[in-house]
Every structure is written in C-alpha cells, then in structure tokens.
Amino acid sequence: MFINLSDNDWVDMGIVSRFHTRKLQLIMRQFRYRYNKKKRQQLENEDEDDEDDLMSEYTPSELSEILAQVKI
C-alpha cells in the first residue's frame, strides 16, 4: 500500500516525524530496488529461454539434407 503513496500522503496518515518519513523513504527505496532487480532477472531468464527455444537440435547441414528430402 505504501508503494502507491507519495511523501505528502504520509502526513495525511499521521506520519509527521521527519525520522519516520526518512525511514519510510529508505525502506521504499530498498523495496523498489529489490523489486526492479528481481524483475530484471526474470526478464533475462525469459530471454534465455526464448533463445534456447530458437536453437535447433540439428546442424545447418543436417537441416539442408532434411529439407532436400522433403522437397523430393
């Protein structure tokens, strides 16, 4: 819930201490950093999986032979 709040919204919730405000800012910064890092890792893993899907178990010459046989 705090992720969607701005610093000004904390005052409305009764958080007026500069110490608590700063503490929340640091906690949110750490959370966003970890969230973005995890998201980047997931995207990298998806990219690697996509690359593996594009790889063929056949060599180019074997593929050529298979295609040549199919055309006949």
C-alpha atoms as a PDB file:
ATOM      1  CA  MET A   1       0.000   0.000   0.000  1.00  0.00           C
ATOM      2  CA  PHE A   2       2.851   2.380   0.767  1.00  0.00           C
ATOM      3  CA  ILE A   3       4.215   1.910  -2.741  1.00  0.00           C
ATOM      4  CA  ASN A   4       1.405   3.943  -4.236  1.00  0.00           C
ATOM      5  CA  LEU A   5       1.625   6.756  -1.669  1.00  0.00           C
ATOM      6  CA  SER A   6       3.593   9.929  -2.173  1.00  0.00           C
ATOM      7  CA  ASP A   7       5.521  11.648   0.609  1.00  0.00           C
ATOM      8  CA  ASN A   8       2.675  14.148   1.032  1.00  0.00           C
ATOM      9  CA  ASP A   9       0.184  11.348   1.691  1.00  0.00           C
ATOM     10  CA  TRP A  10       2.122  10.243   4.767  1.00  0.00           C
ATOM     11  CA  VAL A  11       1.176  13.454   6.556  1.00  0.00           C
ATOM     12  CA  ASP A  12      -2.481  12.646   5.933  1.00  0.00           C
ATOM     13  CA  MET A  13      -1.899   9.268   7.598  1.00  0.00           C
ATOM     14  CA  GLY A  14      -0.413  10.952  10.675  1.00  0.00           C
ATOM     15  CA  ILE A  15       3.236  10.315   9.884  1.00  0.00           C
ATOM     16  CA  VAL A  16       4.737  13.742  10.572  1.00  0.00           C
ATOM     17  CA  SER A  17       8.059  12.874  12.198  1.00  0.00           C
ATOM     18  CA  ARG A  18      10.989  13.591   9.875  1.00  0.00           C
ATOM     19  CA  PHE A  19      12.692  10.485  11.252  1.00  0.00           C
ATOM     20  CA  HIS A  20       9.769   8.230  10.372  1.00  0.00           C
ATOM     21  CA  THR A  21       9.334   9.883   6.991  1.00  0.00           C
ATOM     22  CA  ARG A  22      13.008   9.369   6.162  1.00  0.00           C
ATOM     23  CA  LYS A  23      12.856   5.782   7.425  1.00  0.00           C
ATOM     24  CA  LEU A  24       9.867   5.054   5.168  1.00  0.00           C
ATOM     25  CA  GLN A  25      11.629   6.665   2.209  1.00  0.00           C
ATOM     26  CA  LEU A  26      14.657   4.423   2.706  1.00  0.00           C
ATOM     27  CA  ILE A  27      12.520   1.314   3.133  1.00  0.00           C
ATOM     28  CA  MET A  28      10.606   2.121  -0.044  1.00  0.00           C
ATOM     29  CA  ARG A  29      13.810   2.800  -1.978  1.00  0.00           C
ATOM     30  CA  GLN A  30      15.210  -0.568  -0.885  1.00  0.00           C
ATOM     31  CA  PHE A  31      11.974  -2.324  -1.797  1.00  0.00           C
ATOM     32  CA  ARG A  32      11.858  -0.720  -5.252  1.00  0.00           C
ATOM     33  CA  TYR A  33      15.497  -1.637  -5.847  1.00  0.00           C
ATOM     34  CA  ARG A  34      14.891  -5.300  -4.924  1.00  0.00           C
ATOM     35  CA  TYR A  35      11.666  -5.380  -6.954  1.00  0.00           C
ATOM     36  CA  ASN A  36      13.335  -3.943 -10.056  1.00  0.00           C
ATOM     37  CA  LYS A  37      16.322  -6.271  -9.661  1.00  0.00           C
ATOM     38  CA  LYS A  38      14.035  -9.305  -9.412  1.00  0.00           C
ATOM     39  CA  LYS A  39      12.029  -8.107 -12.405  1.00  0.00           C
ATOM     40  CA  ARG A  40      15.201  -7.666 -14.488  1.00  0.00           C
ATOM     41  CA  GLN A  41      16.359 -11.164 -13.559  1.00  0.00           C
ATOM     42  CA  GLN A  42      13.021 -12.630 -14.600  1.00  0.00           C
ATOM     43  CA  LEU A  43      13.200 -10.812 -17.936  1.00  0.00           C
ATOM     44  CA  GLU A  44      16.752 -12.043 -18.507  1.00  0.00           C
ATOM     45  CA  ASN A  45      15.682 -15.608 -17.727  1.00  0.00           C
ATOM     46  CA  GLU A  46      12.783 -15.330 -20.172  1.00  0.00           C
ATOM     47  CA  ASP A  47      15.157 -14.053 -22.857  1.00  0.00           C
ATOM     48  CA  GLU A  48      17.480 -17.005 -22.279  1.00  0.00           C
ATOM     49  CA  ASP A  49      14.553 -19.411 -22.523  1.00  0.00           C
ATOM     50  CA  ASP A  50      13.485 -17.797 -25.796  1.00  0.00           C
ATOM     51  CA  GLU A  51      16.992 -18.183 -27.189  1.00  0.00           C
ATOM     52  CA  ASP A  52      17.022 -21.845 -26.211  1.00  0.00           C
ATOM     53  CA  ASP A  53      13.712 -22.356 -27.992  1.00  0.00           C
ATOM     54  CA  LEU A  54      15.192 -20.938 -31.189  1.00  0.00           C
ATOM     55  CA  MET A  55      18.129 -23.311 -31.122  1.00  0.00           C
ATOM     56  CA  SER A  56      17.749 -26.411 -33.234  1.00  0.00           C
ATOM     57  CA  GLU A  57      18.982 -29.829 -32.339  1.00  0.00           C
ATOM     58  CA  TYR A  58      20.170 -30.196 -35.953  1.00  0.00           C
ATOM     59  CA  THR A  59      23.216 -28.681 -37.570  1.00  0.00           C
ATOM     60  CA  PRO A  60      22.702 -26.486 -40.641  1.00  0.00           C
ATOM     61  CA  SER A  61      23.932 -29.236 -42.958  1.00  0.00           C
ATOM     62  CA  GLU A  62      21.503 -31.743 -41.404  1.00  0.00           C
ATOM     63  CA  LEU A  63      18.675 -29.275 -41.846  1.00  0.00           C
ATOM     64  CA  SER A  64      19.639 -28.832 -45.511  1.00  0.00           C
ATOM     65  CA  GLU A  65      19.509 -32.586 -46.036  1.00  0.00           C
ATOM     66  CA  ILE A  66      16.122 -32.835 -44.349  1.00  0.00           C
ATOM     67  CA  LEU A  67      14.715 -30.044 -46.484  1.00  0.00           C
ATOM     68  CA  ALA A  68      16.143 -31.605 -49.619  1.00  0.00           C
ATOM     69  CA  GLN A  69      14.425 -34.906 -48.803  1.00  0.00           C
ATOM     70  CA  VAL A  70      11.109 -33.201 -48.108  1.00  0.00           C
ATOM     71  CA  LYS A  71      11.112 -31.360 -51.451  1.00  0.00           C
ATOM     72  CA  ILE A  72      11.507 -34.607 -53.427  1.00  0.00           C
END
